[in-house]
Amino acid sequence: MAINITDKEELQAWLQDKPQEWSALIAQRVALRVSPLVQSSWRSRAAIKRKQGLTQSLLRANLFSAVVGRWPTTENKNAAYAAAAYAVAAYAAAYSYAGSVAAAADSAARADYAVPAAAYAAAAAVRAARAPGATGSIWKSTSQDLQMLEDKGLEALQATPIWHDGEPDWFSKSWTALKHSLLADNPNWQVWIDFLQRRFLGKRSLFGLASDSEKEIIDAIVEEGNEFWERDPHVVNADLVARIEEKRKRDAQNAIDNIPPKSPGLSYAPGPSGKYEREATGIATSDDLAEIEGTKEPLLEALDDLKSACTGTNAYTTVVRNAERYAAVLNAELSRLSVDRLFSYGVRLENARSRLDKEIASGDFPEMAVGIGEALDSVLALHGPMVLSTGRGRDLVARARDYQLGVAQANALKEAATPVATAIANSDNMVETEAADEIVLATSDIGEGPHPERSTEVGATALRNFLVSAAKVVGIAAAGVVGNAAWGTITGATGATSLETLAVYTYEFFLTYRPDLLILAGTGGPDFAWLSSFLNWLERQQKPKPGSD
């Protein structure tokens, strides 16, 4: 039978033999449901200092009720206050129109343990919420809390929004009015609006920071005691904003430091267009160029022959496209000739040849014209020795040899990489078409061809290098260094305005496709494992979204 609590006595009886932590959490959640009702004081004729003081008292109680039990050091330092913290917020809201937060705190402090504190908080909440339907919604949501505790436990309820069936109308109206009143008084109340919104949504983070950063802030406030809180509320809020911002920048720098460097292979970076473009990496050295020169002209002739042989048929579109890209790289200025791209396009041509052979053998594709087959074989015969004649080429082959995955692992990686590559291709507001197409094609070849380890390494590296570059853009923007020397050093790009826009698009990309990226992080091994911690940090940067404005 579903739990149905309708008064203080029933709640106290239900909690009597339950863990004390359950009672504490119920008191916190009840207090949060009525916290917007402090808006009644802002509508009154009370002096502005009194309104600010009432609100600050409620927020102080909510803050410490959130941290009690989470960090033992803080709890020990603040043990005397903790006993009242669970219920005082609800009492503050209930009594705010009468102007007696002190009386509320005294009432809560008289509770010897958490069970009566929770019951008193619920009763106070019902008294405070005089709007039509408020009493029923508070007892209903409290009953739903108890049901979740019984069915799923403490952690599940902690992560659950305070309203199981959506915000009731009276709550939304009071919350909207309170936000407007606070921001009209001073913009720095926003730090508390965000704090409460996170709590309404069941978020663990208090201020959008790493847990250790938040603990450092709380410990410092506890250490300072009343000296921190007895200042003008505007001064308190400005101080808190500054402390949070300092920690936020540190967290952002830590996030940047935890992003791995790019690997040799296909790579991408912000370009003059303000979008991610293909990056010229693995540039041939002077010794490499001497080796390449001996093969360059015959190879270009073989590529031209291949394109000519395919003229008049659409059956070899993929082959022609890769041949054209290969020729473009080979014809690049010597200072920008990328061995990484020669290697990857050569692998794709090998895969195309292997795929065609299989389809012809199975009868799914007509016999290849002699001229096409000979031209393609000539390109591949020249490609291999030329790449292996370069130091970078030998390194790439060695990396691929070390990148041995079983068939099942390669298939799992490909399955996880494909939706992410597709998402990149669909993000034309932040990625140039040529770069996006290259990533999609590279990942589609994972595990394919006569040398599947090479195809897998090329595809995985292309995707990983893009994500590394994108993550650094977001991290640097969060650290507040967009447009300065650090930005140019890490991204190799300039132009603060366009790159700030790119950072916004990139941020939205990571949040929108977070589920797919987490699957890739769990499937892709060490190359992608870093994504999990990065995405967790990034999610904390997201402004809590209210149910209503």
Protein backbone atom coordinates (compact mmCIF):
# COMPACT_ATOMS: atom_id res chain seq x y z
CA MET A 1 0.00 0.00 0.00
CA ALA A 2 1.27 3.46 -0.93
CA ILE A 3 2.43 5.63 1.96
CA ASN A 4 0.02 8.48 2.71
CA ILE A 5 1.02 10.95 5.45
CA THR A 6 -1.37 13.77 6.33
CA ASP A 7 -0.12 15.31 9.58
CA LYS A 8 2.88 15.84 11.87
CA GLU A 9 2.04 12.96 14.18
CA GLU A 10 1.80 10.42 11.34
CA LEU A 11 5.12 11.60 9.95
CA GLN A 12 6.85 11.39 13.32
CA ALA A 13 5.46 7.91 13.92
CA TRP A 14 6.59 6.71 10.47
CA LEU A 15 10.13 8.05 10.96
CA GLN A 16 10.50 6.82 14.54
CA ASP A 17 12.29 3.54 13.75
CA LYS A 18 14.00 4.72 10.57
CA PRO A 19 17.63 5.84 10.15
CA GLN A 20 18.23 9.34 11.46
CA GLU A 21 19.58 10.37 8.05
CA TRP A 22 16.12 9.78 6.57
CA SER A 23 14.54 12.23 8.99
CA ALA A 24 17.24 14.80 8.27
CA LEU A 25 16.67 14.57 4.52
CA ILE A 26 12.89 14.82 4.88
CA ALA A 27 13.31 17.99 6.96
CA GLN A 28 15.63 19.49 4.35
CA ARG A 29 13.25 18.77 1.48
CA VAL A 30 10.22 20.09 3.34
CA ALA A 31 12.16 23.27 4.12
CA LEU A 32 13.07 23.71 0.46
CA ARG A 33 9.44 23.40 -0.65
CA VAL A 34 8.41 26.43 1.37
CA SER A 35 11.61 28.49 1.04
CA PRO A 36 10.17 30.70 -1.77
CA LEU A 37 7.50 31.85 0.67
CA VAL A 38 10.01 34.25 2.18
CA GLN A 39 8.77 36.37 -0.73
CA SER A 40 5.96 37.44 1.62
CA SER A 41 8.46 39.57 3.54
CA TRP A 42 9.58 41.28 0.31
CA ARG A 43 5.97 42.27 -0.38
CA SER A 44 5.60 43.76 3.08
CA ARG A 45 6.40 47.27 4.28
CA ALA A 46 9.24 46.00 6.43
CA ALA A 47 12.57 47.80 6.25
CA ILE A 48 14.87 46.58 3.49
CA LYS A 49 17.48 45.45 6.01
CA ARG A 50 14.89 43.27 7.68
CA LYS A 51 13.89 41.69 4.35
CA GLN A 52 17.52 41.03 3.49
CA GLY A 53 18.20 39.61 6.95
CA LEU A 54 15.22 37.24 6.87
CA THR A 55 16.26 35.95 3.44
CA GLN A 56 19.88 35.53 4.45
CA SER A 57 18.88 33.59 7.57
CA LEU A 58 16.80 31.21 5.48
CA LEU A 59 19.60 30.75 2.94
CA ARG A 60 22.18 30.21 5.67
CA ALA A 61 20.03 27.48 7.18
CA ASN A 62 19.49 25.84 3.81
CA LEU A 63 23.20 25.93 3.06
CA PHE A 64 24.26 24.24 6.26
CA SER A 65 21.46 21.71 6.17
CA ALA A 66 22.84 20.71 2.75
CA VAL A 67 26.38 20.15 3.99
CA VAL A 68 25.74 18.50 7.35
CA GLY A 69 26.86 14.90 7.10
CA ARG A 70 28.54 15.38 3.73
CA TRP A 71 31.87 16.61 5.05
CA PRO A 72 32.80 15.38 8.54
CA THR A 73 35.20 18.23 9.22
CA THR A 74 32.52 20.79 8.61
CA GLU A 75 30.00 18.81 10.61
CA ASN A 76 32.30 18.63 13.61
CA LYS A 77 33.04 22.33 13.54
CA ASN A 78 29.38 23.19 13.19
CA ALA A 79 27.78 20.53 15.40
CA ALA A 80 25.84 22.96 17.58
CA TYR A 81 24.23 24.66 14.61
CA ALA A 82 23.54 21.42 12.76
CA ALA A 83 20.85 20.30 15.22
CA ALA A 84 18.63 23.21 14.22
CA ALA A 85 19.64 23.52 10.59
CA TYR A 86 17.28 20.87 9.23
CA ALA A 87 14.11 22.57 10.41
CA VAL A 88 15.02 26.23 10.74
CA ALA A 89 14.59 26.97 7.03
CA ALA A 90 10.97 25.85 7.04
CA TYR A 91 10.30 27.77 10.25
CA ALA A 92 11.96 30.83 8.79
CA ALA A 93 9.59 30.72 5.84
CA ALA A 94 6.59 30.06 8.08
CA TYR A 95 7.38 32.94 10.40
CA SER A 96 8.82 35.39 7.89
CA TYR A 97 5.57 37.25 7.51
CA ALA A 98 5.45 37.61 11.27
CA GLY A 99 9.13 38.51 11.37
CA SER A 100 10.54 35.99 13.83
CA VAL A 101 13.33 33.91 12.38
CA ALA A 102 14.98 33.90 15.79
CA ALA A 103 11.92 32.26 17.30
CA ALA A 104 11.98 29.73 14.48
CA ALA A 105 15.58 28.82 15.20
CA ASP A 106 14.85 28.45 18.90
CA SER A 107 11.93 26.15 18.16
CA ALA A 108 14.04 23.95 15.93
CA ALA A 109 16.93 23.92 18.36
CA ARG A 110 14.68 22.45 21.04
CA ALA A 111 14.38 19.29 18.93
CA ASP A 112 16.62 16.70 20.58
CA TYR A 113 17.02 14.63 17.46
CA ALA A 114 16.15 14.55 13.78
CA VAL A 115 12.71 12.86 13.92
CA PRO A 116 10.86 15.67 15.71
CA ALA A 117 12.85 18.22 13.70
CA ALA A 118 11.49 16.70 10.50
CA ALA A 119 7.96 16.58 11.86
CA TYR A 120 8.14 20.17 13.12
CA ALA A 121 9.51 21.28 9.73
CA ALA A 122 6.61 19.63 7.91
CA ALA A 123 4.05 21.17 10.22
CA ALA A 124 5.66 24.60 9.82
CA ALA A 125 5.65 24.19 6.05
CA VAL A 126 1.93 23.47 6.03
CA ARG A 127 1.27 26.55 8.18
CA ALA A 128 3.42 28.68 5.92
CA ALA A 129 1.88 27.54 2.65
CA ARG A 130 -1.58 29.09 2.77
CA ALA A 131 -2.18 29.07 -0.99
CA PRO A 132 -5.02 26.89 -2.34
CA GLY A 133 -3.83 23.27 -2.68
CA ALA A 134 -0.53 23.94 -0.92
CA THR A 135 -1.24 21.80 2.14
CA GLY A 136 -2.17 18.81 0.01
CA SER A 137 0.84 19.16 -2.30
CA ILE A 138 3.28 19.37 0.63
CA TRP A 139 1.93 16.27 2.37
CA LYS A 140 1.67 14.41 -0.94
CA SER A 141 5.28 15.18 -1.90
CA THR A 142 6.44 14.26 1.61
CA SER A 143 4.61 10.93 1.33
CA GLN A 144 6.27 10.35 -2.04
CA ASP A 145 9.64 11.09 -0.41
CA LEU A 146 8.97 8.42 2.21
CA GLN A 147 7.92 5.94 -0.46
CA MET A 148 11.14 6.51 -2.39
CA LEU A 149 13.20 6.13 0.78
CA GLU A 150 11.52 2.81 1.46
CA ASP A 151 11.76 1.57 -2.13
CA LYS A 152 15.10 2.96 -3.33
CA GLY A 153 16.97 4.39 -0.37
CA LEU A 154 18.63 7.62 0.71
CA GLU A 155 20.85 8.30 -2.31
CA ALA A 156 17.97 7.98 -4.76
CA LEU A 157 15.91 10.57 -2.90
CA GLN A 158 18.87 12.92 -2.52
CA ALA A 159 19.16 13.04 -6.33
CA THR A 160 15.42 13.54 -6.91
CA PRO A 161 13.74 16.93 -7.47
CA ILE A 162 11.73 18.08 -4.46
CA TRP A 163 8.48 17.95 -6.47
CA HIS A 164 7.86 14.46 -7.86
CA ASP A 165 4.98 15.54 -10.11
CA GLY A 166 6.26 18.94 -11.18
CA GLU A 167 6.15 22.26 -9.36
CA PRO A 168 2.70 23.24 -8.04
CA ASP A 169 1.39 26.58 -9.19
CA TRP A 170 1.70 28.28 -5.79
CA PHE A 171 5.38 27.30 -5.55
CA SER A 172 6.23 28.48 -9.08
CA LYS A 173 4.56 31.85 -8.56
CA SER A 174 6.27 32.43 -5.22
CA TRP A 175 9.66 31.35 -6.60
CA THR A 176 9.35 33.61 -9.65
CA ALA A 177 8.33 36.55 -7.49
CA LEU A 178 11.18 35.94 -5.04
CA LYS A 179 13.77 35.81 -7.81
CA HIS A 180 12.52 39.10 -9.22
CA SER A 181 12.58 40.74 -5.79
CA LEU A 182 16.09 39.54 -5.00
CA LEU A 183 17.60 40.58 -8.33
CA ALA A 184 15.91 43.96 -8.13
CA ASP A 185 17.64 44.43 -4.78
CA ASN A 186 21.10 43.30 -5.93
CA PRO A 187 22.42 41.15 -8.82
CA ASN A 188 24.63 39.10 -6.48
CA TRP A 189 21.56 37.36 -5.03
CA GLN A 190 21.89 35.26 -8.20
CA VAL A 191 24.42 33.06 -6.42
CA TRP A 192 21.71 32.03 -3.96
CA ILE A 193 19.05 31.68 -6.66
CA ASP A 194 21.31 29.20 -8.43
CA PHE A 195 22.05 27.44 -5.15
CA LEU A 196 18.36 26.96 -4.34
CA GLN A 197 17.55 25.88 -7.90
CA ARG A 198 20.18 23.16 -7.70
CA ARG A 199 18.68 21.98 -4.44
CA PHE A 200 15.16 22.03 -5.89
CA LEU A 201 16.42 19.77 -8.70
CA GLY A 202 18.25 17.33 -6.41
CA LYS A 203 21.71 18.30 -7.64
CA ARG A 204 24.57 17.30 -5.38
CA SER A 205 26.70 20.30 -6.26
CA LEU A 206 26.02 23.46 -4.24
CA PHE A 207 27.72 26.03 -6.45
CA GLY A 208 28.62 24.12 -9.61
CA LEU A 209 32.13 23.35 -8.36
CA ALA A 210 34.15 20.24 -7.68
CA SER A 211 33.35 18.70 -4.30
CA ASP A 212 36.73 19.58 -2.77
CA SER A 213 36.39 23.21 -3.93
CA GLU A 214 32.97 23.51 -2.35
CA LYS A 215 34.24 21.97 0.86
CA GLU A 216 37.04 24.52 1.02
CA ILE A 217 34.51 27.35 0.74
CA ILE A 218 32.24 25.88 3.41
CA ASP A 219 35.13 25.15 5.79
CA ALA A 220 36.35 28.73 5.44
CA ILE A 221 32.88 30.13 6.15
CA VAL A 222 32.49 27.89 9.19
CA GLU A 223 35.93 28.94 10.44
CA GLU A 224 34.98 32.61 10.14
CA GLY A 225 31.70 31.98 11.95
CA ASN A 226 29.39 34.92 12.58
CA GLU A 227 32.00 37.35 11.28
CA PHE A 228 31.16 36.13 7.80
CA TRP A 229 27.38 36.42 8.18
CA GLU A 230 27.04 39.57 10.29
CA ARG A 231 28.12 41.83 7.47
CA ASP A 232 25.70 43.58 5.11
CA PRO A 233 24.01 40.86 2.98
CA HIS A 234 25.22 42.55 -0.19
CA VAL A 235 28.79 42.32 1.08
CA VAL A 236 28.29 38.66 2.06
CA ASN A 237 26.91 37.82 -1.37
CA ALA A 238 29.71 39.63 -3.21
CA ASP A 239 32.28 37.83 -1.08
CA LEU A 240 30.68 34.46 -1.79
CA VAL A 241 30.54 35.19 -5.53
CA ALA A 242 34.26 36.05 -5.51
CA ARG A 243 35.17 32.86 -3.63
CA ILE A 244 33.13 30.73 -6.03
CA GLU A 245 34.65 32.40 -9.08
CA GLU A 246 38.17 31.81 -7.78
CA LYS A 247 37.43 28.11 -7.29
CA ARG A 248 35.65 27.89 -10.63
CA LYS A 249 38.73 29.10 -12.48
CA ARG A 250 40.88 26.62 -10.57
CA ASP A 251 38.46 23.79 -11.40
CA ALA A 252 38.55 24.81 -15.05
CA GLN A 253 42.34 24.77 -15.08
CA ASN A 254 42.30 21.32 -13.48
CA ALA A 255 39.87 20.16 -16.16
CA ILE A 256 42.22 21.47 -18.85
CA ASP A 257 45.21 19.79 -17.24
CA ASN A 258 43.37 16.45 -17.23
CA ILE A 259 42.66 16.58 -20.98
CA PRO A 260 45.30 14.42 -22.70
CA PRO A 261 47.48 15.72 -25.53
CA LYS A 262 46.62 14.90 -29.10
CA SER A 263 48.03 11.77 -30.68
CA PRO A 264 49.90 11.50 -34.01
CA GLY A 265 47.33 11.24 -36.78
CA LEU A 266 44.39 13.16 -38.21
CA SER A 267 43.86 16.25 -36.12
CA TYR A 268 41.63 19.34 -35.87
CA ALA A 269 41.80 22.81 -34.34
CA PRO A 270 39.90 26.12 -34.39
CA GLY A 271 40.68 27.99 -37.57
CA PRO A 272 40.25 31.50 -38.99
CA SER A 273 36.62 30.67 -39.82
CA GLY A 274 35.81 30.35 -36.12
CA LYS A 275 35.11 26.64 -36.65
CA TYR A 276 37.13 23.47 -36.21
CA GLU A 277 39.18 22.78 -39.31
CA ARG A 278 41.59 20.12 -40.42
CA GLU A 279 44.98 20.67 -38.83
CA ALA A 280 48.22 20.01 -40.70
CA THR A 281 50.12 17.62 -38.43
CA GLY A 282 52.97 15.22 -38.97
CA ILE A 283 54.60 17.69 -41.36
CA ALA A 284 57.26 16.04 -43.47
CA THR A 285 60.83 16.84 -42.42
CA SER A 286 63.54 17.78 -44.88
CA ASP A 287 64.79 14.18 -44.83
CA ASP A 288 61.25 12.95 -45.42
CA LEU A 289 60.77 15.32 -48.35
CA ALA A 290 63.89 13.99 -50.02
CA GLU A 291 62.39 10.49 -49.86
CA ILE A 292 58.93 11.66 -50.94
CA GLU A 293 60.28 13.54 -53.95
CA GLY A 294 61.50 10.30 -55.51
CA THR A 295 57.97 8.83 -55.47
CA LYS A 296 55.79 11.93 -55.73
CA GLU A 297 55.52 12.30 -59.50
CA PRO A 298 54.87 8.61 -60.31
CA LEU A 299 52.30 8.52 -57.52
CA LEU A 300 50.52 11.64 -58.79
CA GLU A 301 50.45 10.11 -62.28
CA ALA A 302 48.96 6.91 -60.87
CA LEU A 303 46.31 8.94 -59.02
CA ASP A 304 45.42 10.80 -62.24
CA ASP A 305 45.18 7.48 -64.08
CA LEU A 306 42.87 6.17 -61.39
CA LYS A 307 40.56 9.16 -61.61
CA SER A 308 40.52 9.00 -65.40
CA ALA A 309 39.76 5.26 -65.36
CA CYS A 310 36.77 5.90 -63.10
CA THR A 311 35.34 8.62 -65.35
CA GLY A 312 31.84 7.88 -66.57
CA THR A 313 30.77 5.70 -63.64
CA ASN A 314 29.48 6.48 -60.17
CA ALA A 315 30.40 3.04 -58.88
CA TYR A 316 33.78 4.19 -57.61
CA THR A 317 32.84 7.52 -56.02
CA THR A 318 34.51 6.67 -52.72
CA VAL A 319 37.73 5.62 -54.46
CA VAL A 320 37.82 8.81 -56.53
CA ARG A 321 37.12 11.02 -53.53
CA ASN A 322 39.96 9.48 -51.53
CA ALA A 323 42.29 9.68 -54.53
CA GLU A 324 41.52 13.39 -54.92
CA ARG A 325 42.17 14.05 -51.27
CA TYR A 326 45.40 12.07 -51.36
CA ALA A 327 46.57 14.08 -54.40
CA ALA A 328 45.66 17.37 -52.68
CA VAL A 329 47.84 16.49 -49.69
CA LEU A 330 50.71 15.39 -51.92
CA ASN A 331 50.49 18.64 -53.90
CA ALA A 332 50.46 20.84 -50.79
CA GLU A 333 53.23 23.31 -50.07
CA LEU A 334 56.24 21.43 -48.79
CA SER A 335 55.99 23.26 -45.48
CA ARG A 336 52.46 21.85 -44.98
CA LEU A 337 52.79 18.34 -46.42
CA SER A 338 51.12 16.14 -43.81
CA VAL A 339 52.38 12.57 -43.56
CA ASP A 340 49.49 11.91 -41.15
CA ARG A 341 46.96 12.60 -43.91
CA LEU A 342 48.89 10.67 -46.56
CA PHE A 343 48.91 7.68 -44.23
CA SER A 344 45.19 7.91 -43.43
CA TYR A 345 44.07 8.38 -47.04
CA GLY A 346 46.30 5.50 -48.09
CA VAL A 347 44.63 3.31 -45.48
CA ARG A 348 41.22 4.32 -46.83
CA LEU A 349 42.27 3.44 -50.38
CA GLU A 350 43.48 0.05 -49.15
CA ASN A 351 40.14 -0.47 -47.45
CA ALA A 352 38.23 0.54 -50.57
CA ARG A 353 40.20 -1.98 -52.62
CA SER A 354 39.55 -4.71 -50.06
CA ARG A 355 35.85 -3.89 -49.90
CA LEU A 356 35.50 -3.94 -53.68
CA ASP A 357 37.25 -7.31 -53.90
CA LYS A 358 34.81 -8.79 -51.38
CA GLU A 359 31.75 -7.37 -53.12
CA ILE A 360 32.94 -8.58 -56.52
CA ALA A 361 33.65 -12.03 -55.13
CA SER A 362 30.17 -12.23 -53.59
CA GLY A 363 28.50 -11.11 -56.79
CA ASP A 364 27.20 -7.87 -55.25
CA PHE A 365 29.38 -5.72 -57.49
CA PRO A 366 30.33 -6.04 -61.19
CA GLU A 367 33.83 -7.00 -62.20
CA MET A 368 36.27 -4.14 -61.89
CA ALA A 369 37.53 -2.72 -65.17
CA VAL A 370 41.13 -3.70 -65.79
CA GLY A 371 42.27 -0.07 -66.00
CA ILE A 372 40.70 0.82 -62.66
CA GLY A 373 42.19 -2.18 -60.90
CA GLU A 374 45.66 -1.59 -62.30
CA ALA A 375 45.61 2.13 -61.46
CA LEU A 376 44.43 1.48 -57.91
CA ASP A 377 47.06 -1.23 -57.42
CA SER A 378 49.74 1.14 -58.72
CA VAL A 379 48.72 3.83 -56.23
CA LEU A 380 48.83 1.38 -53.33
CA ALA A 381 52.14 -0.11 -54.46
CA LEU A 382 53.74 3.34 -54.46
CA HIS A 383 52.00 4.57 -51.32
CA GLY A 384 53.35 1.95 -48.92
CA PRO A 385 57.09 2.41 -49.53
CA MET A 386 56.74 6.20 -49.67
CA VAL A 387 55.05 6.42 -46.27
CA LEU A 388 57.48 3.94 -44.73
CA SER A 389 60.39 5.99 -46.03
CA THR A 390 59.43 8.81 -43.63
CA GLY A 391 60.10 8.81 -39.91
CA ARG A 392 56.53 9.87 -39.15
CA GLY A 393 55.15 7.15 -41.41
CA ARG A 394 57.13 4.47 -39.58
CA ASP A 395 55.85 5.83 -36.26
CA LEU A 396 52.25 5.69 -37.50
CA VAL A 397 52.63 2.09 -38.68
CA ALA A 398 54.18 1.15 -35.33
CA ARG A 399 51.34 2.85 -33.44
CA ALA A 400 48.81 0.97 -35.50
CA ARG A 401 50.61 -2.29 -34.84
CA ASP A 402 50.36 -1.61 -31.10
CA TYR A 403 46.67 -0.73 -31.44
CA GLN A 404 45.57 -4.34 -31.60
CA LEU A 405 41.90 -4.88 -30.80
CA GLY A 406 39.91 -8.05 -31.14
CA VAL A 407 37.04 -8.12 -33.61
CA ALA A 408 34.48 -7.73 -30.84
CA GLN A 409 36.36 -4.79 -29.30
CA ALA A 410 36.75 -3.05 -32.65
CA ASN A 411 33.06 -3.52 -33.39
CA ALA A 412 32.11 -2.12 -29.98
CA LEU A 413 34.38 0.89 -30.51
CA LYS A 414 32.90 1.51 -33.94
CA GLU A 415 29.36 1.25 -32.60
CA ALA A 416 30.14 3.79 -29.88
CA ALA A 417 32.11 6.12 -32.18
CA THR A 418 29.55 6.28 -35.00
CA PRO A 419 26.85 8.37 -33.24
CA VAL A 420 29.48 10.77 -31.94
CA ALA A 421 30.97 11.22 -35.42
CA THR A 422 27.45 11.75 -36.80
CA ALA A 423 26.80 14.36 -34.12
CA ILE A 424 29.97 16.19 -35.16
CA ALA A 425 28.86 16.12 -38.79
CA ASN A 426 25.49 17.58 -37.79
CA SER A 427 27.16 20.42 -35.88
CA ASP A 428 27.87 22.60 -38.90
CA ASN A 429 27.80 25.69 -36.69
CA MET A 430 31.13 24.63 -35.18
CA VAL A 431 32.82 22.25 -37.66
CA GLU A 432 33.90 22.85 -41.24
CA THR A 433 32.32 20.35 -43.65
CA GLU A 434 35.63 18.87 -44.83
CA ALA A 435 36.75 18.20 -41.27
CA ALA A 436 33.41 16.65 -40.29
CA ASP A 437 33.36 14.43 -43.40
CA GLU A 438 36.88 13.25 -42.68
CA ILE A 439 35.96 12.22 -39.13
CA VAL A 440 32.83 10.38 -40.28
CA LEU A 441 34.72 8.49 -42.99
CA ALA A 442 37.61 7.62 -40.69
CA THR A 443 35.35 6.23 -37.96
CA SER A 444 33.25 4.31 -40.48
CA ASP A 445 36.39 2.36 -41.44
CA ILE A 446 37.23 1.22 -37.89
CA GLY A 447 38.09 -2.48 -37.98
CA GLU A 448 37.93 -2.63 -41.80
CA GLY A 449 40.36 -3.55 -44.55
CA PRO A 450 43.44 -5.74 -44.96
CA HIS A 451 45.05 -4.03 -41.97
CA PRO A 452 42.15 -3.52 -39.52
CA GLU A 453 44.52 -2.31 -36.81
CA ARG A 454 45.53 0.61 -39.05
CA SER A 455 41.93 1.49 -39.85
CA THR A 456 41.01 1.34 -36.17
CA GLU A 457 43.93 3.50 -35.10
CA VAL A 458 43.23 6.10 -37.81
CA GLY A 459 39.51 6.32 -36.97
CA ALA A 460 39.94 6.34 -33.21
CA THR A 461 42.71 8.94 -33.37
CA ALA A 462 40.71 11.26 -35.64
CA LEU A 463 37.73 11.20 -33.27
CA ARG A 464 39.85 11.45 -30.13
CA ASN A 465 41.92 14.37 -31.46
CA PHE A 466 38.78 16.29 -32.37
CA LEU A 467 37.31 15.75 -28.90
CA VAL A 468 40.59 16.72 -27.23
CA SER A 469 40.70 19.97 -29.20
CA ALA A 470 37.04 20.72 -28.49
CA ALA A 471 37.42 19.97 -24.77
CA LYS A 472 40.35 22.35 -24.49
CA VAL A 473 38.35 25.11 -26.15
CA VAL A 474 35.58 24.75 -23.56
CA GLY A 475 38.01 24.43 -20.66
CA ILE A 476 39.99 27.49 -21.65
CA ALA A 477 36.81 29.52 -22.11
CA ALA A 478 35.63 28.48 -18.65
CA ALA A 479 38.98 29.47 -17.18
CA GLY A 480 38.45 32.96 -18.55
CA VAL A 481 41.42 33.12 -20.89
CA VAL A 482 39.66 33.27 -24.27
CA GLY A 483 41.54 35.63 -26.54
CA ASN A 484 44.71 35.91 -24.49
CA ALA A 485 48.09 34.31 -25.01
CA ALA A 486 47.12 31.06 -23.31
CA TRP A 487 44.28 30.57 -25.78
CA GLY A 488 46.55 30.96 -28.77
CA THR A 489 49.22 28.74 -27.26
CA ILE A 490 46.89 25.82 -26.62
CA THR A 491 44.53 26.05 -29.61
CA GLY A 492 46.86 27.61 -32.14
CA ALA A 493 44.08 30.05 -33.05
CA THR A 494 43.32 33.75 -32.76
CA GLY A 495 40.26 35.97 -32.75
CA ALA A 496 38.58 36.16 -29.37
CA THR A 497 35.06 37.03 -30.54
CA SER A 498 34.61 34.16 -32.99
CA LEU A 499 36.27 31.72 -30.61
CA GLU A 500 34.05 32.73 -27.73
CA THR A 501 31.13 31.84 -29.98
CA LEU A 502 32.81 28.56 -30.87
CA ALA A 503 33.24 27.79 -27.17
CA VAL A 504 29.48 28.24 -26.65
CA TYR A 505 28.64 25.92 -29.55
CA THR A 506 31.16 23.38 -28.29
CA TYR A 507 29.76 23.54 -24.76
CA GLU A 508 26.28 22.87 -26.14
CA PHE A 509 27.64 19.98 -28.22
CA PHE A 510 29.16 18.22 -25.21
CA LEU A 511 26.01 18.66 -23.11
CA THR A 512 23.62 17.66 -25.90
CA TYR A 513 25.50 14.49 -26.80
CA ARG A 514 26.67 13.66 -23.28
CA PRO A 515 24.94 10.22 -23.24
CA ASP A 516 26.68 9.15 -26.46
CA LEU A 517 30.01 10.51 -25.26
CA LEU A 518 29.73 8.64 -21.95
CA ILE A 519 29.14 5.41 -23.86
CA LEU A 520 32.27 6.14 -25.90
CA ALA A 521 34.19 6.86 -22.69
CA GLY A 522 33.19 3.50 -21.28
CA THR A 523 33.79 1.56 -24.50
CA GLY A 524 36.79 3.21 -26.12
CA GLY A 525 39.44 2.28 -23.58
CA PRO A 526 42.21 4.63 -22.38
CA ASP A 527 41.93 6.86 -25.46
CA PHE A 528 38.46 8.03 -24.42
CA ALA A 529 38.25 7.29 -20.67
CA TRP A 530 39.18 10.91 -19.82
CA LEU A 531 35.82 12.03 -21.22
CA SER A 532 33.94 10.87 -18.12
CA SER A 533 35.61 13.25 -15.68
CA PHE A 534 35.56 16.06 -18.24
CA LEU A 535 31.82 15.66 -18.85
CA ASN A 536 31.13 15.57 -15.11
CA TRP A 537 33.04 18.83 -14.69
CA LEU A 538 31.23 20.35 -17.67
CA GLU A 539 27.81 19.39 -16.36
CA ARG A 540 28.56 21.27 -13.14
CA GLN A 541 29.08 24.44 -15.20
CA GLN A 542 25.54 24.24 -16.50
CA LYS A 543 23.20 26.82 -15.03
CA PRO A 544 20.39 25.09 -13.13
CA LYS A 545 17.21 25.43 -15.17
CA PRO A 546 14.10 26.37 -13.21
CA GLY A 547 10.71 24.94 -13.91
CA SER A 548 9.46 28.47 -14.60
CA ASP A 549 10.95 31.92 -15.11
